[in-house]
Amino acid sequence: TSYALMVLCWNKGQYSPIHDHPCDGCWVRHIQGTLHEVRYRHTGTTLDEISNAMITQGVSYMDDSLGLHKIGNPSREVDAITLHLYAPPYSKCKLWHDPADAGNATAATASFYSEYGRIL
């Protein structure tokens, strides 16, 4: 498989942890709601915020050359939906839970609701 396509549903106030993109790239298509993306630069000891954006339409792109990021739904009233295209697909990534402690990353394994149209 040369890509993975995922629909993500973001509950009100739900965010991803800060994470990397071990694949060549991730395209995110806004479908519904508002998204909040914060990008970080890894300094070796901390993760420094380099951008902070609200997304209400269009497509964004992320890969490791642009830094790390977290993305989520800042709304307390409306759920959000995004479509993510990873090329090539990834199976693992790194997560950071504290920007002040860049040395404390954990590994995460991707899990899916379905593959090739079949529920897992």
PDB file of N, CA and C in Angstrom:
ATOM      1  N   THR A   1       0.848  -1.179   0.000  1.00  0.00           N
ATOM      2  CA  THR A   1       0.000   0.000   0.000  1.00  0.00           C
ATOM      3  C   THR A   1       0.889   1.237   0.000  1.00  0.00           C
ATOM      4  N   SER A   2       0.563   2.210  -0.814  1.00  0.00           N
ATOM      5  CA  SER A   2       1.400   3.397  -0.920  1.00  0.00           C
ATOM      6  C   SER A   2       0.864   4.598  -0.142  1.00  0.00           C
ATOM      7  N   TYR A   3      -0.314   4.459   0.459  1.00  0.00           N
ATOM      8  CA  TYR A   3      -0.859   5.558   1.251  1.00  0.00           C
ATOM      9  C   TYR A   3      -1.876   5.014   2.254  1.00  0.00           C
ATOM     10  N   ALA A   4      -2.205   5.850   3.240  1.00  0.00           N
ATOM     11  CA  ALA A   4      -3.281   5.556   4.191  1.00  0.00           C
ATOM     12  C   ALA A   4      -4.185   6.776   4.226  1.00  0.00           C
ATOM     13  N   LEU A   5      -5.480   6.557   4.136  1.00  0.00           N
ATOM     14  CA  LEU A   5      -6.471   7.622   4.161  1.00  0.00           C
ATOM     15  C   LEU A   5      -7.348   7.407   5.386  1.00  0.00           C
ATOM     16  N   MET A   6      -7.410   8.410   6.266  1.00  0.00           N
ATOM     17  CA  MET A   6      -8.154   8.276   7.519  1.00  0.00           C
ATOM     18  C   MET A   6      -9.113   9.440   7.708  1.00  0.00           C
ATOM     19  N   VAL A   7     -10.315   9.138   8.144  1.00  0.00           N
ATOM     20  CA  VAL A   7     -11.263  10.155   8.586  1.00  0.00           C
ATOM     21  C   VAL A   7     -11.164  10.200  10.106  1.00  0.00           C
ATOM     22  N   LEU A   8     -10.880  11.380  10.651  1.00  0.00           N
ATOM     23  CA  LEU A   8     -10.781  11.543  12.096  1.00  0.00           C
ATOM     24  C   LEU A   8     -11.914  12.436  12.579  1.00  0.00           C
ATOM     25  N   CYS A   9     -12.602  11.985  13.599  1.00  0.00           N
ATOM     26  CA  CYS A   9     -13.682  12.746  14.226  1.00  0.00           C
ATOM     27  C   CYS A   9     -13.159  13.262  15.558  1.00  0.00           C
ATOM     28  N   TRP A  10     -13.189  14.577  15.727  1.00  0.00           N
ATOM     29  CA  TRP A  10     -12.651  15.237  16.912  1.00  0.00           C
ATOM     30  C   TRP A  10     -13.805  15.684  17.802  1.00  0.00           C
ATOM     31  N   ASN A  11     -13.903  15.124  18.987  1.00  0.00           N
ATOM     32  CA  ASN A  11     -14.903  15.571  19.952  1.00  0.00           C
ATOM     33  C   ASN A  11     -14.586  16.996  20.389  1.00  0.00           C
ATOM     34  N   LYS A  12     -15.553  17.645  20.962  1.00  0.00           N
ATOM     35  CA  LYS A  12     -15.373  19.000  21.474  1.00  0.00           C
ATOM     36  C   LYS A  12     -14.198  19.011  22.457  1.00  0.00           C
ATOM     37  N   GLY A  13     -13.222  19.878  22.220  1.00  0.00           N
ATOM     38  CA  GLY A  13     -12.074  20.006  23.114  1.00  0.00           C
ATOM     39  C   GLY A  13     -11.010  18.925  22.978  1.00  0.00           C
ATOM     40  N   GLN A  14     -11.148  18.013  22.043  1.00  0.00           N
ATOM     41  CA  GLN A  14     -10.196  16.902  21.897  1.00  0.00           C
ATOM     42  C   GLN A  14      -8.993  17.312  21.055  1.00  0.00           C
ATOM     43  N   TYR A  15      -7.795  16.955  21.533  1.00  0.00           N
ATOM     44  CA  TYR A  15      -6.542  17.241  20.840  1.00  0.00           C
ATOM     45  C   TYR A  15      -5.686  15.985  20.761  1.00  0.00           C
ATOM     46  N   SER A  16      -4.860  15.926  19.727  1.00  0.00           N
ATOM     47  CA  SER A  16      -3.818  14.907  19.668  1.00  0.00           C
ATOM     48  C   SER A  16      -2.687  15.342  20.593  1.00  0.00           C
ATOM     49  N   PRO A  17      -1.838  14.397  21.006  1.00  0.00           N
ATOM     50  CA  PRO A  17      -0.584  14.813  21.639  1.00  0.00           C
ATOM     51  C   PRO A  17       0.319  15.443  20.570  1.00  0.00           C
ATOM     52  N   ILE A  18       1.375  16.091  20.988  1.00  0.00           N
ATOM     53  CA  ILE A  18       2.398  16.542  20.046  1.00  0.00           C
ATOM     54  C   ILE A  18       3.013  15.286  19.440  1.00  0.00           C
ATOM     55  N   HIS A  19       3.191  15.282  18.116  1.00  0.00           N
ATOM     56  CA  HIS A  19       3.708  14.072  17.464  1.00  0.00           C
ATOM     57  C   HIS A  19       4.513  14.397  16.216  1.00  0.00           C
ATOM     58  N   ASP A  20       5.298  13.391  15.798  1.00  0.00           N
ATOM     59  CA  ASP A  20       6.066  13.520  14.565  1.00  0.00           C
ATOM     60  C   ASP A  20       5.326  12.844  13.423  1.00  0.00           C
ATOM     61  N   HIS A  21       5.930  12.886  12.240  1.00  0.00           N
ATOM     62  CA  HIS A  21       5.366  12.247  11.043  1.00  0.00           C
ATOM     63  C   HIS A  21       6.467  11.439  10.370  1.00  0.00           C
ATOM     64  N   PRO A  22       6.614  10.165  10.755  1.00  0.00           N
ATOM     65  CA  PRO A  22       7.698   9.349  10.205  1.00  0.00           C
ATOM     66  C   PRO A  22       7.501   8.980   8.736  1.00  0.00           C
ATOM     67  N   CYS A  23       6.350   9.275   8.174  1.00  0.00           N
ATOM     68  CA  CYS A  23       6.124   9.049   6.739  1.00  0.00           C
ATOM     69  C   CYS A  23       6.653  10.272   5.986  1.00  0.00           C
ATOM     70  N   ASP A  24       6.530  10.275   4.690  1.00  0.00           N
ATOM     71  CA  ASP A  24       7.024  11.399   3.899  1.00  0.00           C
ATOM     72  C   ASP A  24       6.142  12.630   4.009  1.00  0.00           C
ATOM     73  N   GLY A  25       4.888  12.480   4.397  1.00  0.00           N
ATOM     74  CA  GLY A  25       4.038  13.648   4.524  1.00  0.00           C
ATOM     75  C   GLY A  25       2.620  13.307   4.913  1.00  0.00           C
ATOM     76  N   CYS A  26       1.950  14.308   5.481  1.00  0.00           N
ATOM     77  CA  CYS A  26       0.554  14.178   5.887  1.00  0.00           C
ATOM     78  C   CYS A  26      -0.204  15.399   5.379  1.00  0.00           C
ATOM     79  N   TRP A  27      -1.231  15.145   4.596  1.00  0.00           N
ATOM     80  CA  TRP A  27      -2.127  16.195   4.127  1.00  0.00           C
ATOM     81  C   TRP A  27      -3.406  16.091   4.944  1.00  0.00           C
ATOM     82  N   VAL A  28      -3.894  17.215   5.448  1.00  0.00           N
ATOM     83  CA  VAL A  28      -5.115  17.239   6.258  1.00  0.00           C
ATOM     84  C   VAL A  28      -6.139  18.118   5.551  1.00  0.00           C
ATOM     85  N   ARG A  29      -7.286  17.536   5.247  1.00  0.00           N
ATOM     86  CA  ARG A  29      -8.396  18.261   4.614  1.00  0.00           C
ATOM     87  C   ARG A  29      -9.442  18.546   5.671  1.00  0.00           C
ATOM     88  N   HIS A  30      -9.729  19.814   5.871  1.00  0.00           N
ATOM     89  CA  HIS A  30     -10.777  20.232   6.794  1.00  0.00           C
ATOM     90  C   HIS A  30     -12.129  19.840   6.204  1.00  0.00           C
ATOM     91  N   ILE A  31     -12.991  19.236   7.005  1.00  0.00           N
ATOM     92  CA  ILE A  31     -14.338  18.884   6.547  1.00  0.00           C
ATOM     93  C   ILE A  31     -15.399  19.634   7.345  1.00  0.00           C
ATOM     94  N   GLN A  32     -15.256  19.648   8.677  1.00  0.00           N
ATOM     95  CA  GLN A  32     -16.286  20.269   9.524  1.00  0.00           C
ATOM     96  C   GLN A  32     -15.649  20.836  10.781  1.00  0.00           C
ATOM     97  N   GLY A  33     -16.212  21.938  11.273  1.00  0.00           N
ATOM     98  CA  GLY A  33     -15.752  22.520  12.527  1.00  0.00           C
ATOM     99  C   GLY A  33     -14.512  23.374  12.339  1.00  0.00           C
ATOM    100  N   THR A  34     -13.883  23.694  13.446  1.00  0.00           N
ATOM    101  CA  THR A  34     -12.646  24.467  13.459  1.00  0.00           C
ATOM    102  C   THR A  34     -11.536  23.592  14.011  1.00  0.00           C
ATOM    103  N   LEU A  35     -10.371  23.669  13.402  1.00  0.00           N
ATOM    104  CA  LEU A  35      -9.198  22.940  13.880  1.00  0.00           C
ATOM    105  C   LEU A  35      -8.187  23.932  14.420  1.00  0.00           C
ATOM    106  N   HIS A  36      -7.461  23.497  15.420  1.00  0.00           N
ATOM    107  CA  HIS A  36      -6.395  24.307  15.998  1.00  0.00           C
ATOM    108  C   HIS A  36      -5.106  23.512  15.835  1.00  0.00           C
ATOM    109  N   GLU A  37      -4.128  24.076  15.123  1.00  0.00           N
ATOM    110  CA  GLU A  37      -2.846  23.404  14.933  1.00  0.00           C
ATOM    111  C   GLU A  37      -1.742  24.234  15.564  1.00  0.00           C
ATOM    112  N   VAL A  38      -0.929  23.577  16.396  1.00  0.00           N
ATOM    113  CA  VAL A  38       0.245  24.206  16.993  1.00  0.00           C
ATOM    114  C   VAL A  38       1.465  23.420  16.523  1.00  0.00           C
ATOM    115  N   ARG A  39       2.434  24.130  15.943  1.00  0.00           N
ATOM    116  CA  ARG A  39       3.668  23.488  15.471  1.00  0.00           C
ATOM    117  C   ARG A  39       4.820  23.825  16.409  1.00  0.00           C
ATOM    118  N   TYR A  40       5.754  22.863  16.505  1.00  0.00           N
ATOM    119  CA  TYR A  40       6.879  22.978  17.429  1.00  0.00           C
ATOM    120  C   TYR A  40       8.194  22.657  16.726  1.00  0.00           C
ATOM    121  N   ARG A  41       9.270  23.245  17.243  1.00  0.00           N
ATOM    122  CA  ARG A  41      10.631  22.918  16.819  1.00  0.00           C
ATOM    123  C   ARG A  41      11.307  22.190  17.974  1.00  0.00           C
ATOM    124  N   HIS A  42      11.933  21.064  17.679  1.00  0.00           N
ATOM    125  CA  HIS A  42      12.642  20.261  18.682  1.00  0.00           C
ATOM    126  C   HIS A  42      14.026  20.860  18.874  1.00  0.00           C
ATOM    127  N   THR A  43      14.309  21.404  20.057  1.00  0.00           N
ATOM    128  CA  THR A  43      15.605  22.040  20.323  1.00  0.00           C
ATOM    129  C   THR A  43      16.615  21.075  20.918  1.00  0.00           C
ATOM    130  N   GLY A  44      16.181  19.867  21.247  1.00  0.00           N
ATOM    131  CA  GLY A  44      17.035  18.909  21.939  1.00  0.00           C
ATOM    132  C   GLY A  44      16.623  18.761  23.392  1.00  0.00           C
ATOM    133  N   THR A  45      16.227  19.869  24.025  1.00  0.00           N
ATOM    134  CA  THR A  45      15.781  19.809  25.415  1.00  0.00           C
ATOM    135  C   THR A  45      14.316  20.199  25.582  1.00  0.00           C
ATOM    136  N   THR A  46      13.837  21.085  24.700  1.00  0.00           N
ATOM    137  CA  THR A  46      12.435  21.519  24.768  1.00  0.00           C
ATOM    138  C   THR A  46      11.818  21.480  23.373  1.00  0.00           C
ATOM    139  N   LEU A  47      10.504  21.602  23.334  1.00  0.00           N
ATOM    140  CA  LEU A  47       9.773  21.779  22.082  1.00  0.00           C
ATOM    141  C   LEU A  47       9.259  23.212  22.087  1.00  0.00           C
ATOM    142  N   ASP A  48       9.821  24.047  21.233  1.00  0.00           N
ATOM    143  CA  ASP A  48       9.452  25.461  21.190  1.00  0.00           C
ATOM    144  C   ASP A  48       8.355  25.689  20.161  1.00  0.00           C
ATOM    145  N   GLU A  49       7.302  26.398  20.561  1.00  0.00           N
ATOM    146  CA  GLU A  49       6.199  26.701  19.649  1.00  0.00           C
ATOM    147  C   GLU A  49       6.681  27.638  18.546  1.00  0.00           C
ATOM    148  N   ILE A  50       6.399  27.255  17.283  1.00  0.00           N
ATOM    149  CA  ILE A  50       6.811  28.092  16.153  1.00  0.00           C
ATOM    150  C   ILE A  50       5.625  28.632  15.357  1.00  0.00           C
ATOM    151  N   SER A  51       4.440  28.028  15.519  1.00  0.00           N
ATOM    152  CA  SER A  51       3.244  28.590  14.884  1.00  0.00           C
ATOM    153  C   SER A  51       2.006  28.087  15.600  1.00  0.00           C
ATOM    154  N   ASN A  52       0.936  28.866  15.454  1.00  0.00           N
ATOM    155  CA  ASN A  52      -0.312  28.577  16.145  1.00  0.00           C
ATOM    156  C   ASN A  52      -1.426  29.083  15.229  1.00  0.00           C
ATOM    157  N   ALA A  53      -2.239  28.170  14.686  1.00  0.00           N
ATOM    158  CA  ALA A  53      -3.222  28.584  13.676  1.00  0.00           C
ATOM    159  C   ALA A  53      -4.578  27.930  13.901  1.00  0.00           C
ATOM    160  N   MET A  54      -5.620  28.679  13.596  1.00  0.00           N
ATOM    161  CA  MET A  54      -6.977  28.148  13.539  1.00  0.00           C
ATOM    162  C   MET A  54      -7.292  27.873  12.073  1.00  0.00           C
ATOM    163  N   ILE A  55      -7.830  26.697  11.794  1.00  0.00           N
ATOM    164  CA  ILE A  55      -8.115  26.283  10.422  1.00  0.00           C
ATOM    165  C   ILE A  55      -9.615  26.063  10.286  1.00  0.00           C
ATOM    166  N   THR A  56     -10.233  26.761   9.344  1.00  0.00           N
ATOM    167  CA  THR A  56     -11.675  26.621   9.131  1.00  0.00           C
ATOM    168  C   THR A  56     -12.018  26.133   7.733  1.00  0.00           C
ATOM    169  N   GLN A  57     -11.004  25.975   6.888  1.00  0.00           N
ATOM    170  CA  GLN A  57     -11.242  25.473   5.530  1.00  0.00           C
ATOM    171  C   GLN A  57      -9.920  25.068   4.900  1.00  0.00           C
ATOM    172  N   GLY A  58     -10.009  24.300   3.816  1.00  0.00           N
ATOM    173  CA  GLY A  58      -8.843  24.007   3.004  1.00  0.00           C
ATOM    174  C   GLY A  58      -8.049  22.790   3.422  1.00  0.00           C
ATOM    175  N   VAL A  59      -6.795  22.768   2.938  1.00  0.00           N
ATOM    176  CA  VAL A  59      -5.885  21.647   3.139  1.00  0.00           C
ATOM    177  C   VAL A  59      -4.597  22.170   3.759  1.00  0.00           C
ATOM    178  N   SER A  60      -4.055  21.436   4.733  1.00  0.00           N
ATOM    179  CA  SER A  60      -2.746  21.766   5.288  1.00  0.00           C
ATOM    180  C   SER A  60      -1.819  20.573   5.077  1.00  0.00           C
ATOM    181  N   TYR A  61      -0.526  20.810   5.246  1.00  0.00           N
ATOM    182  CA  TYR A  61       0.476  19.778   5.022  1.00  0.00           C
ATOM    183  C   TYR A  61       1.469  19.789   6.174  1.00  0.00           C
ATOM    184  N   MET A  62       1.956  18.593   6.543  1.00  0.00           N
ATOM    185  CA  MET A  62       2.944  18.488   7.617  1.00  0.00           C
ATOM    186  C   MET A  62       3.891  17.345   7.329  1.00  0.00           C
ATOM    187  N   ASP A  63       5.182  17.579   7.572  1.00  0.00           N
ATOM    188  CA  ASP A  63       6.170  16.503   7.609  1.00  0.00           C
ATOM    189  C   ASP A  63       7.248  16.910   8.610  1.00  0.00           C
ATOM    190  N   ASP A  64       8.163  15.999   8.918  1.00  0.00           N
ATOM    191  CA  ASP A  64       9.139  16.264   9.971  1.00  0.00           C
ATOM    192  C   ASP A  64      10.082  17.422   9.659  1.00  0.00           C
ATOM    193  N   SER A  65      10.277  17.759   8.386  1.00  0.00           N
ATOM    194  CA  SER A  65      11.142  18.897   8.066  1.00  0.00           C
ATOM    195  C   SER A  65      10.512  20.217   8.515  1.00  0.00           C
ATOM    196  N   LEU A  66       9.195  20.217   8.734  1.00  0.00           N
ATOM    197  CA  LEU A  66       8.478  21.414   9.182  1.00  0.00           C
ATOM    198  C   LEU A  66       8.342  21.474  10.697  1.00  0.00           C
ATOM    199  N   GLY A  67       8.742  20.410  11.382  1.00  0.00           N
ATOM    200  CA  GLY A  67       8.659  20.354  12.835  1.00  0.00           C
ATOM    201  C   GLY A  67       7.716  19.266  13.302  1.00  0.00           C
ATOM    202  N   LEU A  68       7.273  19.414  14.528  1.00  0.00           N
ATOM    203  CA  LEU A  68       6.288  18.523  15.152  1.00  0.00           C
ATOM    204  C   LEU A  68       5.000  19.322  15.286  1.00  0.00           C
ATOM    205  N   HIS A  69       3.883  18.634  15.559  1.00  0.00           N
ATOM    206  CA  HIS A  69       2.662  19.411  15.784  1.00  0.00           C
ATOM    207  C   HIS A  69       1.660  18.644  16.630  1.00  0.00           C
ATOM    208  N   LYS A  70       0.683  19.398  17.111  1.00  0.00           N
ATOM    209  CA  LYS A  70      -0.533  18.810  17.673  1.00  0.00           C
ATOM    210  C   LYS A  70      -1.683  19.484  16.959  1.00  0.00           C
ATOM    211  N   ILE A  71      -2.784  18.769  16.872  1.00  0.00           N
ATOM    212  CA  ILE A  71      -3.958  19.288  16.178  1.00  0.00           C
ATOM    213  C   ILE A  71      -5.182  18.872  16.979  1.00  0.00           C
ATOM    214  N   GLY A  72      -6.214  19.689  16.938  1.00  0.00           N
ATOM    215  CA  GLY A  72      -7.409  19.335  17.683  1.00  0.00           C
ATOM    216  C   GLY A  72      -8.556  20.293  17.442  1.00  0.00           C
ATOM    217  N   ASN A  73      -9.595  20.062  18.216  1.00  0.00           N
ATOM    218  CA  ASN A  73     -10.841  20.809  18.098  1.00  0.00           C
ATOM    219  C   ASN A  73     -10.985  21.728  19.312  1.00  0.00           C
ATOM    220  N   PRO A  74     -10.827  23.039  19.128  1.00  0.00           N
ATOM    221  CA  PRO A  74     -10.921  23.950  20.263  1.00  0.00           C
ATOM    222  C   PRO A  74     -12.353  24.253  20.705  1.00  0.00           C
ATOM    223  N   SER A  75     -13.337  23.837  19.928  1.00  0.00           N
ATOM    224  CA  SER A  75     -14.731  24.202  20.202  1.00  0.00           C
ATOM    225  C   SER A  75     -15.293  23.447  21.403  1.00  0.00           C
ATOM    226  N   ARG A  76     -16.144  24.128  22.143  1.00  0.00           N
ATOM    227  CA  ARG A  76     -16.910  23.492  23.224  1.00  0.00           C
ATOM    228  C   ARG A  76     -18.326  23.165  22.764  1.00  0.00           C
ATOM    229  N   GLU A  77     -18.637  23.510  21.493  1.00  0.00           N
ATOM    230  CA  GLU A  77     -20.008  23.371  21.009  1.00  0.00           C
ATOM    231  C   GLU A  77     -20.170  22.455  19.806  1.00  0.00           C
ATOM    232  N   VAL A  78     -19.138  22.339  18.953  1.00  0.00           N
ATOM    233  CA  VAL A  78     -19.269  21.619  17.683  1.00  0.00           C
ATOM    234  C   VAL A  78     -18.130  20.614  17.530  1.00  0.00           C
ATOM    235  N   ASP A  79     -18.450  19.396  17.113  1.00  0.00           N
ATOM    236  CA  ASP A  79     -17.420  18.418  16.783  1.00  0.00           C
ATOM    237  C   ASP A  79     -16.754  18.815  15.471  1.00  0.00           C
ATOM    238  N   ALA A  80     -15.553  18.294  15.228  1.00  0.00           N
ATOM    239  CA  ALA A  80     -14.825  18.582  13.988  1.00  0.00           C
ATOM    240  C   ALA A  80     -14.501  17.270  13.279  1.00  0.00           C
ATOM    241  N   ILE A  81     -14.328  17.354  11.966  1.00  0.00           N
ATOM    242  CA  ILE A  81     -13.986  16.181  11.158  1.00  0.00           C
ATOM    243  C   ILE A  81     -12.877  16.579  10.194  1.00  0.00           C
ATOM    244  N   THR A  82     -11.876  15.698  10.064  1.00  0.00           N
ATOM    245  CA  THR A  82     -10.781  15.915   9.124  1.00  0.00           C
ATOM    246  C   THR A  82     -10.520  14.632   8.346  1.00  0.00           C
ATOM    247  N   LEU A  83      -9.944  14.797   7.167  1.00  0.00           N
ATOM    248  CA  LEU A  83      -9.523  13.681   6.328  1.00  0.00           C
ATOM    249  C   LEU A  83      -8.006  13.768   6.211  1.00  0.00           C
ATOM    250  N   HIS A  84      -7.296  12.698   6.604  1.00  0.00           N
ATOM    251  CA  HIS A  84      -5.833  12.682   6.609  1.00  0.00           C
ATOM    252  C   HIS A  84      -5.319  11.696   5.571  1.00  0.00           C
ATOM    253  N   LEU A  85      -4.368  12.152   4.777  1.00  0.00           N
ATOM    254  CA  LEU A  85      -3.704  11.305   3.791  1.00  0.00           C
ATOM    255  C   LEU A  85      -2.234  11.206   4.175  1.00  0.00           C
ATOM    256  N   TYR A  86      -1.787   9.986   4.476  1.00  0.00           N
ATOM    257  CA  TYR A  86      -0.392   9.726   4.815  1.00  0.00           C
ATOM    258  C   TYR A  86       0.238   8.955   3.668  1.00  0.00           C
ATOM    259  N   ALA A  87       1.352   9.490   3.146  1.00  0.00           N
ATOM    260  CA  ALA A  87       2.010   8.824   2.029  1.00  0.00           C
ATOM    261  C   ALA A  87       3.521   8.832   2.269  1.00  0.00           C
ATOM    262  N   PRO A  88       4.122   7.662   2.421  1.00  0.00           N
ATOM    263  CA  PRO A  88       3.489   6.353   2.548  1.00  0.00           C
ATOM    264  C   PRO A  88       2.824   6.224   3.910  1.00  0.00           C
ATOM    265  N   PRO A  89       2.066   5.146   4.130  1.00  0.00           N
ATOM    266  CA  PRO A  89       1.419   4.962   5.426  1.00  0.00           C
ATOM    267  C   PRO A  89       2.461   4.794   6.533  1.00  0.00           C
ATOM    268  N   TYR A  90       2.055   5.051   7.753  1.00  0.00           N
ATOM    269  CA  TYR A  90       2.968   4.859   8.877  1.00  0.00           C
ATOM    270  C   TYR A  90       2.376   3.830   9.825  1.00  0.00           C
ATOM    271  N   SER A  91       3.236   3.200  10.610  1.00  0.00           N
ATOM    272  CA  SER A  91       2.746   2.257  11.615  1.00  0.00           C
ATOM    273  C   SER A  91       3.076   2.733  13.024  1.00  0.00           C
ATOM    274  N   LYS A  92       4.105   3.567  13.166  1.00  0.00           N
ATOM    275  CA  LYS A  92       4.503   4.079  14.477  1.00  0.00           C
ATOM    276  C   LYS A  92       4.885   5.542  14.364  1.00  0.00           C
ATOM    277  N   CYS A  93       4.716   6.246  15.481  1.00  0.00           N
ATOM    278  CA  CYS A  93       5.188   7.624  15.573  1.00  0.00           C
ATOM    279  C   CYS A  93       5.603   7.887  17.012  1.00  0.00           C
ATOM    280  N   LYS A  94       6.221   9.055  17.247  1.00  0.00           N
ATOM    281  CA  LYS A  94       6.610   9.456  18.594  1.00  0.00           C
ATOM    282  C   LYS A  94       5.627  10.498  19.113  1.00  0.00           C
ATOM    283  N   LEU A  95       5.354  10.434  20.418  1.00  0.00           N
ATOM    284  CA  LEU A  95       4.447  11.376  21.081  1.00  0.00           C
ATOM    285  C   LEU A  95       5.182  12.105  22.195  1.00  0.00           C
ATOM    286  N   TRP A  96       4.864  13.378  22.354  1.00  0.00           N
ATOM    287  CA  TRP A  96       5.379  14.176  23.454  1.00  0.00           C
ATOM    288  C   TRP A  96       4.183  14.751  24.208  1.00  0.00           C
ATOM    289  N   HIS A  97       4.219  14.648  25.539  1.00  0.00           N
ATOM    290  CA  HIS A  97       3.108  15.146  26.352  1.00  0.00           C
ATOM    291  C   HIS A  97       3.459  16.431  27.093  1.00  0.00           C
ATOM    292  N   ASP A  98       4.750  16.797  27.090  1.00  0.00           N
ATOM    293  CA  ASP A  98       5.195  18.001  27.790  1.00  0.00           C
ATOM    294  C   ASP A  98       6.236  18.726  26.937  1.00  0.00           C
ATOM    295  N   PRO A  99       5.890  19.887  26.370  1.00  0.00           N
ATOM    296  CA  PRO A  99       6.849  20.608  25.526  1.00  0.00           C
ATOM    297  C   PRO A  99       8.136  21.004  26.259  1.00  0.00           C
ATOM    298  N   ALA A 100       8.092  21.083  27.582  1.00  0.00           N
ATOM    299  CA  ALA A 100       9.278  21.452  28.353  1.00  0.00           C
ATOM    300  C   ALA A 100      10.258  20.289  28.497  1.00  0.00           C
ATOM    301  N   ASP A 101       9.846  19.073  28.124  1.00  0.00           N
ATOM    302  CA  ASP A 101      10.678  17.879  28.290  1.00  0.00           C
ATOM    303  C   ASP A 101      10.764  17.112  26.975  1.00  0.00           C
ATOM    304  N   ALA A 102      11.559  17.637  26.045  1.00  0.00           N
ATOM    305  CA  ALA A 102      11.656  17.029  24.710  1.00  0.00           C
ATOM    306  C   ALA A 102      12.318  15.662  24.737  1.00  0.00           C
ATOM    307  N   GLY A 103      13.049  15.349  25.794  1.00  0.00           N
ATOM    308  CA  GLY A 103      13.710  14.049  25.882  1.00  0.00           C
ATOM    309  C   GLY A 103      12.790  12.927  26.299  1.00  0.00           C
ATOM    310  N   ASN A 104      11.562  13.247  26.638  1.00  0.00           N
ATOM    311  CA  ASN A 104      10.637  12.236  27.150  1.00  0.00           C
ATOM    312  C   ASN A 104       9.542  11.932  26.128  1.00  0.00           C
ATOM    313  N   ALA A 105       9.920  11.300  25.027  1.00  0.00           N
ATOM    314  CA  ALA A 105       8.953  10.896  23.997  1.00  0.00           C
ATOM    315  C   ALA A 105       8.564   9.444  24.212  1.00  0.00           C
ATOM    316  N   THR A 106       7.343   9.117  23.839  1.00  0.00           N
ATOM    317  CA  THR A 106       6.892   7.727  23.886  1.00  0.00           C
ATOM    318  C   THR A 106       6.551   7.282  22.468  1.00  0.00           C
ATOM    319  N   ALA A 107       6.587   5.978  22.257  1.00  0.00           N
ATOM    320  CA  ALA A 107       6.252   5.425  20.941  1.00  0.00           C
ATOM    321  C   ALA A 107       4.777   5.058  20.913  1.00  0.00           C
ATOM    322  N   ALA A 108       4.136   5.332  19.797  1.00  0.00           N
ATOM    323  CA  ALA A 108       2.728   4.965  19.610  1.00  0.00           C
ATOM    324  C   ALA A 108       2.608   4.134  18.340  1.00  0.00           C
ATOM    325  N   THR A 109       1.720   3.157  18.374  1.00  0.00           N
ATOM    326  CA  THR A 109       1.451   2.311  17.214  1.00  0.00           C
ATOM    327  C   THR A 109       0.091   2.677  16.652  1.00  0.00           C
ATOM    328  N   ALA A 110       0.032   2.851  15.347  1.00  0.00           N
ATOM    329  CA  ALA A 110      -1.232   3.207  14.692  1.00  0.00           C
ATOM    330  C   ALA A 110      -2.219   2.050  14.798  1.00  0.00           C
ATOM    331  N   SER A 111      -3.464   2.387  15.042  1.00  0.00           N
ATOM    332  CA  SER A 111      -4.530   1.382  15.036  1.00  0.00           C
ATOM    333  C   SER A 111      -5.669   1.933  14.186  1.00  0.00           C
ATOM    334  N   PHE A 112      -6.393   1.039  13.568  1.00  0.00           N
ATOM    335  CA  PHE A 112      -7.410   1.442  12.609  1.00  0.00           C
ATOM    336  C   PHE A 112      -8.737   0.759  12.895  1.00  0.00           C
ATOM    337  N   TYR A 113      -9.835   1.443  12.561  1.00  0.00           N
ATOM    338  CA  TYR A 113     -11.179   0.891  12.687  1.00  0.00           C
ATOM    339  C   TYR A 113     -11.440  -0.127  11.589  1.00  0.00           C
ATOM    340  N   SER A 114     -10.930   0.182  10.380  1.00  0.00           N
ATOM    341  CA  SER A 114     -11.128  -0.734   9.255  1.00  0.00           C
ATOM    342  C   SER A 114      -9.921  -0.673   8.326  1.00  0.00           C
ATOM    343  N   GLU A 115      -9.745  -1.717   7.550  1.00  0.00           N
ATOM    344  CA  GLU A 115      -8.739  -1.762   6.498  1.00  0.00           C
ATOM    345  C   GLU A 115      -9.362  -2.394   5.273  1.00  0.00           C
ATOM    346  N   TYR A 116      -9.151  -1.763   4.127  1.00  0.00           N
ATOM    347  CA  TYR A 116      -9.679  -2.260   2.856  1.00  0.00           C
ATOM    348  C   TYR A 116     -11.192  -2.487   2.915  1.00  0.00           C
ATOM    349  N   GLY A 117     -11.892  -1.617   3.679  1.00  0.00           N
ATOM    350  CA  GLY A 117     -13.343  -1.698   3.764  1.00  0.00           C
ATOM    351  C   GLY A 117     -13.876  -2.707   4.761  1.00  0.00           C
ATOM    352  N   ARG A 118     -12.991  -3.416   5.451  1.00  0.00           N
ATOM    353  CA  ARG A 118     -13.430  -4.411   6.442  1.00  0.00           C
ATOM    354  C   ARG A 118     -13.165  -3.899   7.851  1.00  0.00           C
ATOM    355  N   ILE A 119     -14.160  -3.973   8.713  1.00  0.00           N
ATOM    356  CA  ILE A 119     -14.005  -3.569  10.103  1.00  0.00           C
ATOM    357  C   ILE A 119     -13.082  -4.561  10.793  1.00  0.00           C
ATOM    358  N   LEU A 120     -12.133  -4.031  11.538  1.00  0.00           N
ATOM    359  CA  LEU A 120     -11.159  -4.883  12.235  1.00  0.00           C
ATOM    360  C   LEU A 120     -11.676  -5.363  13.571  1.00  0.00           C
TER     361      LEU A 120
END
